[in-house]
N, C-alpha and C. Protein backbone atom coordinates (compact mmCIF):
# COMPACT_ATOMS: atom_id res chain seq x y z
N MET A 1 35.97 85.01 83.89
CA MET A 1 35.98 86.19 83.51
C MET A 1 34.20 86.69 83.08
N ASP A 2 33.43 86.90 84.48
CA ASP A 2 31.77 87.39 84.07
C ASP A 2 31.75 89.09 83.23
N ALA A 3 30.88 88.87 82.87
CA ALA A 3 30.46 90.26 82.08
C ALA A 3 30.08 91.12 83.01
N ASN A 4 30.10 91.29 84.06
CA ASN A 4 30.66 92.44 85.55
C ASN A 4 31.37 92.35 85.09
N ARG A 5 33.09 91.70 85.54
CA ARG A 5 33.89 91.53 85.56
C ARG A 5 35.26 92.99 84.51
N VAL A 6 33.58 92.09 83.07
CA VAL A 6 34.39 92.26 82.02
C VAL A 6 34.33 94.44 81.84
N ARG A 7 33.09 94.72 82.40
CA ARG A 7 32.19 95.70 82.34
C ARG A 7 33.38 96.97 83.17
N GLY A 8 33.42 96.57 84.51
CA GLY A 8 35.00 97.08 85.57
C GLY A 8 36.05 97.42 84.81
N VAL A 9 36.97 96.19 84.09
CA VAL A 9 38.17 96.24 83.62
C VAL A 9 37.34 97.43 82.03
N LEU A 10 36.69 97.34 81.70
CA LEU A 10 36.50 98.39 80.48
C LEU A 10 36.58 99.88 81.12
N GLU A 11 35.36 99.83 82.32
CA GLU A 11 35.36 101.35 82.56
C GLU A 11 36.90 101.55 83.59
N LEU A 12 37.76 100.57 84.14
CA LEU A 12 39.39 100.50 83.75
C LEU A 12 40.05 101.18 83.08
N TYR A 13 39.89 101.03 82.08
CA TYR A 13 40.32 101.82 81.02
C TYR A 13 39.76 102.42 80.28
N ARG A 14 39.09 102.36 80.84
CA ARG A 14 38.55 103.98 79.91
C ARG A 14 38.81 105.29 81.03
N ARG A 15 38.55 105.12 82.14
CA ARG A 15 39.28 106.48 83.26
C ARG A 15 40.55 105.90 82.74
N GLU A 16 41.58 104.90 82.37
CA GLU A 16 43.30 105.65 82.44
C GLU A 16 43.46 106.31 80.92
N LEU A 17 42.83 105.98 80.01
CA LEU A 17 43.18 106.51 78.61
C LEU A 17 42.36 107.91 78.63
N GLU A 18 41.36 108.24 78.89
CA GLU A 18 40.42 109.78 79.41
C GLU A 18 41.80 110.49 80.12
N ALA A 19 42.69 109.81 81.08
CA ALA A 19 43.18 110.86 81.95
C ALA A 19 44.82 110.62 81.68
N ILE A 20 44.82 110.04 80.68
CA ILE A 20 46.67 110.36 80.09
C ILE A 20 46.28 110.78 78.85
N GLY A 21 44.79 111.34 78.40
CA GLY A 21 44.64 112.53 76.86
C GLY A 21 44.80 111.72 75.87
N ALA A 22 43.45 110.60 76.17
CA ALA A 22 43.30 109.39 74.36
C ALA A 22 42.32 110.50 74.29
N SER A 23 41.84 110.09 72.79
CA SER A 23 40.16 110.99 72.06
C SER A 23 40.50 110.01 71.63
N PRO A 24 38.93 109.41 72.14
CA PRO A 24 38.26 108.32 70.61
C PRO A 24 38.46 108.20 69.09
N LEU A 25 39.06 107.46 68.83
CA LEU A 25 39.18 107.32 67.31
C LEU A 25 38.74 106.13 67.04
N ASP A 26 38.42 106.07 65.22
CA ASP A 26 37.89 105.04 64.62
C ASP A 26 38.67 104.85 63.93
N PHE A 27 40.88 103.97 63.98
CA PHE A 27 41.26 104.54 62.78
C PHE A 27 41.50 103.58 62.02
N PRO A 28 41.95 104.08 60.80
CA PRO A 28 41.49 103.62 59.34
C PRO A 28 42.14 101.89 59.97
N HIS A 29 41.17 100.39 59.55
CA HIS A 29 41.81 99.13 59.65
C HIS A 29 42.80 98.88 59.15
N ASP A 30 42.97 99.83 57.00
CA ASP A 30 44.15 99.42 56.06
C ASP A 30 45.83 100.26 56.31
N SER A 31 45.74 100.99 57.76
CA SER A 31 46.58 102.41 57.75
C SER A 31 47.27 101.10 59.14
N ILE A 32 48.70 101.52 58.96
CA ILE A 32 48.98 101.61 60.57
C ILE A 32 49.37 102.75 60.96
N PRO A 33 49.19 103.26 62.11
CA PRO A 33 49.26 103.70 63.46
C PRO A 33 50.81 103.89 63.36
N LEU A 34 51.37 104.96 63.82
CA LEU A 34 52.75 105.67 63.56
C LEU A 34 52.62 106.82 64.78
N ILE A 35 52.20 106.74 65.46
CA ILE A 35 52.07 108.00 67.24
C ILE A 35 51.43 106.41 68.11
N PRO A 36 51.40 106.73 69.56
CA PRO A 36 50.66 106.09 70.24
C PRO A 36 49.86 107.09 70.53
N ARG A 37 49.66 107.98 70.68
CA ARG A 37 47.69 108.81 70.46
C ARG A 37 47.12 107.43 69.97
N ASN A 38 46.98 107.32 67.93
CA ASN A 38 46.74 107.00 67.45
C ASN A 38 46.26 105.69 68.23
N ILE A 39 47.10 104.70 68.73
CA ILE A 39 46.33 103.43 69.45
C ILE A 39 46.04 103.26 70.43
N LEU A 40 46.08 104.78 71.32
CA LEU A 40 45.32 104.34 72.35
C LEU A 40 43.65 104.66 72.30
N GLY A 41 43.62 106.07 71.39
CA GLY A 41 42.19 106.55 70.55
C GLY A 41 41.59 105.54 69.90
N HIS A 42 42.34 104.88 69.20
CA HIS A 42 41.41 103.19 68.83
C HIS A 42 41.08 102.74 69.81
N CYS A 43 41.85 102.02 70.42
CA CYS A 43 41.77 101.44 72.62
C CYS A 43 40.16 102.17 72.81
N LEU A 44 40.04 103.38 72.97
CA LEU A 44 38.97 103.65 73.82
C LEU A 44 37.60 104.10 72.71
N GLY A 45 37.60 104.47 71.38
CA GLY A 45 37.30 103.91 70.86
C GLY A 45 36.10 102.54 70.85
N MET A 46 37.27 101.60 70.84
CA MET A 46 36.57 100.72 71.32
C MET A 46 35.23 100.35 72.02
N LEU A 47 36.00 100.84 73.12
CA LEU A 47 35.08 100.16 74.42
C LEU A 47 33.65 100.28 74.42
N PRO A 48 32.87 101.32 73.81
CA PRO A 48 31.40 101.45 73.59
C PRO A 48 31.17 100.33 73.20
N LYS A 49 31.64 99.87 72.23
CA LYS A 49 30.98 98.73 71.22
C LYS A 49 31.35 97.20 71.86
N MET A 50 32.21 97.61 72.98
CA MET A 50 32.28 96.36 73.22
C MET A 50 31.04 96.33 74.15
N LEU A 51 30.97 97.76 75.13
CA LEU A 51 29.68 97.24 75.54
C LEU A 51 28.81 96.66 74.97
N GLU A 52 28.91 97.20 74.04
CA GLU A 52 27.08 96.41 73.37
C GLU A 52 26.96 95.55 73.07
N PHE A 53 28.95 94.54 72.58
CA PHE A 53 28.24 92.99 72.35
C PHE A 53 28.25 92.45 73.62
N ILE A 54 28.43 93.04 74.90
CA ILE A 54 28.49 92.55 76.26
C ILE A 54 26.91 91.99 76.61
N ASP A 55 25.87 93.31 75.82
CA ASP A 55 24.14 93.30 76.02
C ASP A 55 23.96 92.28 74.86
N GLU A 56 24.74 92.24 74.38
CA GLU A 56 23.76 91.18 73.01
C GLU A 56 24.53 89.59 73.34
N GLY A 57 25.58 89.09 74.46
CA GLY A 57 26.19 87.81 74.36
C GLY A 57 27.46 87.51 73.97
N ARG A 58 27.69 88.85 72.96
CA ARG A 58 29.11 87.97 71.88
C ARG A 58 30.49 88.27 72.78
N MET A 59 30.38 87.56 73.85
CA MET A 59 31.61 87.17 74.73
C MET A 59 32.74 87.27 73.97
N GLU A 60 32.69 86.72 72.81
CA GLU A 60 33.79 85.77 72.28
C GLU A 60 34.52 86.78 72.24
N LYS A 61 33.50 88.13 70.72
CA LYS A 61 33.93 88.94 70.36
C LYS A 61 34.79 89.72 71.35
N VAL A 62 34.55 90.37 72.68
CA VAL A 62 34.54 90.92 73.43
C VAL A 62 35.68 90.50 73.83
N PHE A 63 35.99 89.22 74.38
CA PHE A 63 37.11 88.63 74.95
C PHE A 63 38.71 89.11 73.30
N ARG A 64 38.36 88.82 72.33
CA ARG A 64 39.21 88.91 70.80
C ARG A 64 39.86 90.45 71.32
N TRP A 65 38.67 91.40 71.57
CA TRP A 65 39.06 92.38 71.41
C TRP A 65 39.68 93.22 72.31
N LEU A 66 39.05 91.99 74.27
CA LEU A 66 40.39 92.82 75.39
C LEU A 66 41.12 92.33 75.19
N GLY A 67 41.79 91.78 74.51
CA GLY A 67 43.16 90.58 73.92
C GLY A 67 43.88 92.08 73.44
N PHE A 68 43.42 92.83 72.21
CA PHE A 68 43.80 93.62 71.41
C PHE A 68 43.98 94.75 72.25
N ILE A 69 43.17 95.17 72.90
CA ILE A 69 43.11 96.70 74.14
C ILE A 69 44.63 95.59 75.23
N GLN A 70 44.55 94.67 75.89
CA GLN A 70 45.64 94.75 76.57
C GLN A 70 47.12 94.50 76.05
N GLY A 71 46.64 93.86 75.05
CA GLY A 71 48.44 93.85 74.30
C GLY A 71 48.81 95.59 73.68
N ALA A 72 47.68 96.53 73.08
CA ALA A 72 48.76 97.59 73.21
C ALA A 72 48.95 98.69 74.46
N LEU A 73 48.04 97.97 75.71
CA LEU A 73 48.27 98.83 76.94
C LEU A 73 49.72 98.47 77.50
N TRP A 74 49.79 97.06 76.92
CA TRP A 74 50.99 96.82 77.70
C TRP A 74 52.92 97.21 76.35
N ALA A 75 51.85 96.79 75.13
CA ALA A 75 53.11 97.81 74.76
C ALA A 75 53.29 99.17 74.69
N LEU A 76 52.54 99.80 74.90
CA LEU A 76 52.57 101.30 75.14
C LEU A 76 53.31 101.26 76.69
N SER A 77 53.78 100.81 77.24
CA SER A 77 53.98 101.11 79.09
C SER A 77 53.76 101.70 79.54
N ILE A 78 51.70 101.27 79.28
CA ILE A 78 50.45 101.71 80.38
C ILE A 78 50.22 100.93 81.57
N TYR A 79 50.15 98.90 81.08
CA TYR A 79 50.51 98.55 82.41
C TYR A 79 51.28 97.36 82.45
N THR A 80 52.11 96.46 83.70
CA THR A 80 52.45 95.55 83.25
C THR A 80 51.86 94.04 82.39
N LEU A 81 52.01 93.46 82.74
CA LEU A 81 51.32 92.23 82.78
C LEU A 81 51.53 91.28 83.67
N ASP A 82 51.58 91.80 84.91
CA ASP A 82 51.04 91.37 85.65
C ASP A 82 49.48 91.97 86.09
N ASP A 83 49.74 93.82 85.61
CA ASP A 83 48.74 94.73 85.82
C ASP A 83 47.49 93.64 85.23
N LEU A 84 48.17 93.73 84.17
CA LEU A 84 46.29 93.04 83.08
C LEU A 84 46.32 92.18 84.06
N LYS A 85 47.16 90.53 83.87
CA LYS A 85 46.98 89.60 84.14
C LYS A 85 45.82 90.05 85.72
N ASN A 86 45.97 90.38 86.45
CA ASN A 86 45.18 90.68 87.16
C ASN A 86 44.42 91.35 87.58
N HIS A 87 43.73 92.39 86.21
CA HIS A 87 42.93 92.48 86.23
C HIS A 87 41.67 91.41 85.28
N ASN A 88 42.25 90.47 84.97
CA ASN A 88 41.40 89.42 83.80
C ASN A 88 40.55 88.26 85.71
N ARG A 89 41.51 88.96 86.37
CA ARG A 89 40.68 87.92 87.82
C ARG A 89 40.05 88.29 88.37
N SER A 90 39.17 87.74 89.26
CA SER A 90 38.01 88.43 89.41
C SER A 90 38.29 87.84 90.60
N ASP A 91 38.61 87.66 92.10
CA ASP A 91 39.49 87.88 92.55
C ASP A 91 40.45 88.72 93.25
N VAL A 92 40.85 89.87 92.70
CA VAL A 92 41.66 90.50 92.83
C VAL A 92 41.13 91.79 92.21
N PRO A 93 41.29 93.06 93.59
CA PRO A 93 40.15 93.93 93.13
C PRO A 93 41.30 94.90 91.47
N LEU A 94 40.13 95.63 91.38
CA LEU A 94 40.27 96.58 89.77
C LEU A 94 41.26 97.80 90.08
N VAL A 95 42.12 98.54 90.09
CA VAL A 95 43.44 99.02 90.21
C VAL A 95 44.13 99.68 88.67
N ASN A 96 43.56 101.08 88.59
CA ASN A 96 44.64 101.54 88.00
C ASN A 96 45.87 102.14 88.65
N ARG A 97 46.34 102.86 87.63
CA ARG A 97 47.92 103.53 88.82
C ARG A 97 47.37 104.52 89.50
N THR A 98 45.72 105.06 89.62
CA THR A 98 46.17 105.90 91.44
C THR A 98 45.28 105.43 91.95
N THR A 99 44.01 105.17 90.86
CA THR A 99 42.31 105.10 92.53
C THR A 99 41.99 103.62 92.65
N PRO A 100 41.55 103.34 92.77
CA PRO A 100 40.96 102.18 92.53
C PRO A 100 39.49 102.22 92.38
N ILE A 101 39.01 101.21 91.48
CA ILE A 101 37.55 101.37 90.41
C ILE A 101 36.29 100.49 91.32
N GLY A 102 35.63 101.34 91.73
CA GLY A 102 34.46 100.12 92.10
C GLY A 102 34.13 99.42 91.11
N GLU A 103 33.00 97.79 91.39
CA GLU A 103 32.46 97.14 90.31
C GLU A 103 31.06 96.76 90.63
């Protein structure tokens, strides 16, 4: 998975999270989120930082954070495991639940 594909995946997730009403949130790291809105908001808030990490060449950190976000999206029934696997494959078009996303 190269940097351009990661950027496309992050854009897909940004659009999806905003479409379902998430607002960016820097959730306290020493607290447990009790409602899905806080989890989704935290994931949305991570995306701009991840773009900075890509620009800095910090891809290992990007991939760790991407795994966190994908785990949350699966646990909250936003995407299936097959969807998430395909998001990581450069030979599969990026598609959210309704609209294809250009790369």
